[in-house]
């Protein structure tokens, strides 16, 4: 009798744990890896985003989900160091009318976020090997904030140098 009661208790706990983990598993499902061999970076693409274009030169891709766009690309630091590249991007956003409410930069990564009208923007860039950087820009309407905002943290954590790039390893930690 005690063995049956224990078995029933164990099964109840197992089912309870399964239902606790179900939202996490559902959130993780559907993320697709994208690896760029030209610049040596990788990122996970959120569920619901479909490939809309690929750069002819192989530097990245653009994905779309209704009114949201996700651009992922790499480039070489031709105009100066990483810090100058980020400063130039920041200045461009301000010239375009973006109100940057989040601006954080460390040695090897930077994140910029803001709004312009009814649009939200999140830009993450990381340093790679061989004077290269990888970036993503997620832009979406305020009306999609509840749907899209949860993707930002995983996108930030997933953008990283590909295997073999040891000089940039650890330069771009997960989101703060």
Protein backbone atom coordinates (compact mmCIF):
# COMPACT_ATOMS: atom_id res chain seq x y z
CA UNK A 1 0.00 0.00 0.00
CA UNK A 2 2.83 2.40 0.89
CA UNK A 3 4.59 1.57 -2.41
CA UNK A 4 1.46 2.48 -4.38
CA UNK A 5 1.06 5.77 -2.47
CA UNK A 6 4.72 6.60 -3.10
CA UNK A 7 4.35 5.74 -6.80
CA UNK A 8 1.27 7.98 -7.08
CA UNK A 9 3.09 10.82 -5.31
CA UNK A 10 6.10 10.40 -7.63
CA UNK A 11 3.92 10.43 -10.76
CA UNK A 12 2.12 13.57 -9.54
CA UNK A 13 5.45 15.32 -8.96
CA UNK A 14 6.74 14.25 -12.36
CA UNK A 15 3.63 15.62 -14.10
CA UNK A 16 3.89 18.84 -12.07
CA UNK A 17 7.55 19.30 -13.13
CA UNK A 18 6.67 18.62 -16.75
CA UNK A 19 4.05 21.37 -16.73
CA UNK A 20 6.51 23.75 -15.08
CA UNK A 21 9.05 23.12 -17.84
CA UNK A 22 6.57 23.18 -20.72
CA UNK A 23 6.63 26.99 -21.24
CA UNK A 24 10.45 26.96 -21.29
CA UNK A 25 10.51 24.15 -23.82
CA UNK A 26 7.90 25.88 -25.97
CA UNK A 27 9.89 29.14 -25.87
CA UNK A 28 13.06 27.32 -26.94
CA UNK A 29 11.30 25.46 -29.73
CA UNK A 30 11.45 27.01 -33.14
CA UNK A 31 14.71 28.92 -32.76
CA UNK A 32 16.86 28.34 -35.84
CA UNK A 33 20.64 28.64 -35.89
CA UNK A 34 22.32 30.87 -38.44
CA UNK A 35 26.09 30.58 -38.87
CA UNK A 36 27.96 33.02 -41.07
CA UNK A 37 31.15 31.45 -42.41
CA UNK A 38 32.46 34.60 -44.03
CA UNK A 39 32.78 36.57 -40.78
CA UNK A 40 32.71 33.72 -38.28
CA UNK A 41 29.67 34.40 -36.13
CA UNK A 42 26.49 32.62 -35.14
CA UNK A 43 23.07 33.67 -33.85
CA UNK A 44 19.74 32.00 -33.14
CA UNK A 45 16.77 33.27 -35.17
CA UNK A 46 13.50 33.49 -33.20
CA UNK A 47 10.41 31.49 -34.11
CA UNK A 48 8.09 33.20 -36.55
CA UNK A 49 10.87 35.03 -38.40
CA UNK A 50 11.22 33.97 -42.03
CA UNK A 51 14.18 34.66 -44.28
CA UNK A 52 13.36 37.64 -46.48
CA UNK A 53 16.76 38.30 -48.08
CA UNK A 54 20.39 37.27 -48.04
CA UNK A 55 23.23 39.64 -48.88
CA UNK A 56 24.91 38.91 -52.21
CA UNK A 57 28.34 39.29 -50.59
CA UNK A 58 27.56 36.76 -47.83
CA UNK A 59 27.79 39.15 -44.89
CA UNK A 60 24.34 38.41 -43.47
CA UNK A 61 20.60 38.01 -43.78
CA UNK A 62 17.33 39.80 -43.10
CA UNK A 63 14.33 38.09 -41.55
CA UNK A 64 10.74 39.31 -41.16
CA UNK A 65 7.79 38.57 -38.90
CA UNK A 66 4.70 40.68 -39.76
CA UNK A 67 5.86 44.25 -39.00
CA UNK A 68 9.12 43.21 -37.34
CA UNK A 69 12.48 42.89 -39.07
CA UNK A 70 15.69 41.27 -37.90
CA UNK A 71 18.87 42.11 -39.79
CA UNK A 72 22.00 40.11 -38.98
CA UNK A 73 25.36 40.94 -40.57
CA UNK A 74 29.10 41.14 -40.19
CA UNK A 75 31.60 43.65 -41.47
CA UNK A 76 35.25 44.59 -41.16
CA UNK A 77 36.39 47.58 -39.13
CA UNK A 78 37.64 49.65 -42.05
CA UNK A 79 37.15 53.12 -40.51
CA UNK A 80 38.88 52.53 -37.18
CA UNK A 81 38.58 50.60 -33.92
CA UNK A 82 35.46 48.93 -32.54
CA UNK A 83 34.69 51.88 -30.26
CA UNK A 84 34.63 54.28 -33.24
CA UNK A 85 32.37 51.91 -35.19
CA UNK A 86 29.87 51.94 -32.30
CA UNK A 87 30.13 55.73 -31.94
CA UNK A 88 29.42 56.15 -35.66
CA UNK A 89 26.38 53.84 -35.43
CA UNK A 90 25.12 55.77 -32.37
CA UNK A 91 25.49 59.10 -34.23
CA UNK A 92 23.68 57.71 -37.28
CA UNK A 93 20.73 56.57 -35.17
CA UNK A 94 20.47 60.00 -33.55
CA UNK A 95 20.62 61.69 -36.98
CA UNK A 96 17.82 59.38 -38.15
CA UNK A 97 15.66 60.56 -35.23
CA UNK A 98 15.98 57.58 -32.90
CA UNK A 99 15.66 58.43 -29.19
CA UNK A 100 18.21 56.04 -27.64
CA UNK A 101 17.02 55.12 -24.15
CA UNK A 102 19.54 52.29 -23.63
CA UNK A 103 23.19 52.71 -24.55
CA UNK A 104 25.73 50.34 -23.06
CA UNK A 105 29.21 49.60 -24.31
CA UNK A 106 32.02 47.44 -22.94
CA UNK A 107 35.30 46.20 -24.39
CA UNK A 108 34.03 43.93 -27.14
CA UNK A 109 30.29 44.53 -27.24
CA UNK A 110 27.68 47.26 -27.36
CA UNK A 111 23.90 47.47 -27.17
CA UNK A 112 21.73 50.37 -28.27
CA UNK A 113 17.97 50.58 -27.98
CA UNK A 114 15.40 53.26 -28.53
CA UNK A 115 12.27 54.46 -30.21
CA UNK A 116 11.30 56.60 -33.17
CA UNK A 117 7.61 57.30 -33.55
CA UNK A 118 5.80 54.00 -33.12
CA UNK A 119 8.92 51.87 -33.79
CA UNK A 120 11.32 50.17 -31.35
CA UNK A 121 14.91 49.32 -32.22
CA UNK A 122 17.44 47.05 -30.50
CA UNK A 123 21.00 46.89 -31.89
CA UNK A 124 23.63 44.50 -30.57
CA UNK A 125 27.17 44.38 -31.93
CA UNK A 126 30.12 42.23 -30.86
CA UNK A 127 33.78 42.15 -31.75
CA UNK A 128 35.00 39.14 -33.71
CA UNK A 129 38.41 37.96 -34.86
CA UNK A 130 40.45 39.63 -37.63
CA UNK A 131 39.08 43.17 -37.09
CA UNK A 132 35.52 42.08 -37.82
CA UNK A 133 32.25 42.65 -35.96
CA UNK A 134 28.85 40.98 -36.01
CA UNK A 135 25.59 42.79 -35.37
CA UNK A 136 21.88 42.33 -35.30
CA UNK A 137 19.18 44.98 -35.42
CA UNK A 138 15.69 44.06 -34.34
CA UNK A 139 13.12 46.68 -35.31
CA UNK A 140 9.41 46.38 -34.65
CA UNK A 141 6.25 48.43 -34.00
CA UNK A 142 5.29 49.31 -30.44
CA UNK A 143 2.10 47.29 -31.02
CA UNK A 144 4.26 44.11 -31.21
CA UNK A 145 6.27 44.85 -28.04
CA UNK A 146 4.63 42.13 -25.92
CA UNK A 147 5.28 39.55 -28.65
CA UNK A 148 8.82 40.55 -29.70
CA UNK A 149 10.50 41.91 -26.54
CA UNK A 150 10.90 38.45 -24.96
CA UNK A 151 13.16 37.48 -27.89
CA UNK A 152 15.78 40.17 -27.20
CA UNK A 153 17.55 38.45 -24.30
CA UNK A 154 18.02 35.16 -26.15
CA UNK A 155 19.11 36.96 -29.32
CA UNK A 156 21.75 38.86 -27.33
CA UNK A 157 22.98 35.68 -25.65
CA UNK A 158 23.05 33.75 -28.89
CA UNK A 159 25.12 36.23 -30.95
CA UNK A 160 28.68 34.98 -30.58
CA UNK A 161 31.92 34.31 -32.45
CA UNK A 162 31.92 30.99 -34.25
CA UNK A 163 34.25 28.18 -33.26
CA UNK A 164 37.90 28.88 -33.92
CA UNK A 165 37.75 32.58 -33.07
CA UNK A 166 39.65 32.43 -29.81
CA UNK A 167 40.81 36.05 -29.55
CA UNK A 168 37.23 37.28 -29.25
CA UNK A 169 36.05 34.56 -26.88
CA UNK A 170 34.62 36.12 -23.74
CA UNK A 171 34.63 39.60 -25.27
CA UNK A 172 30.86 39.61 -25.66
CA UNK A 173 29.15 38.31 -22.54
CA UNK A 174 25.45 37.65 -22.28
CA UNK A 175 22.98 40.50 -21.79
CA UNK A 176 23.29 42.40 -18.55
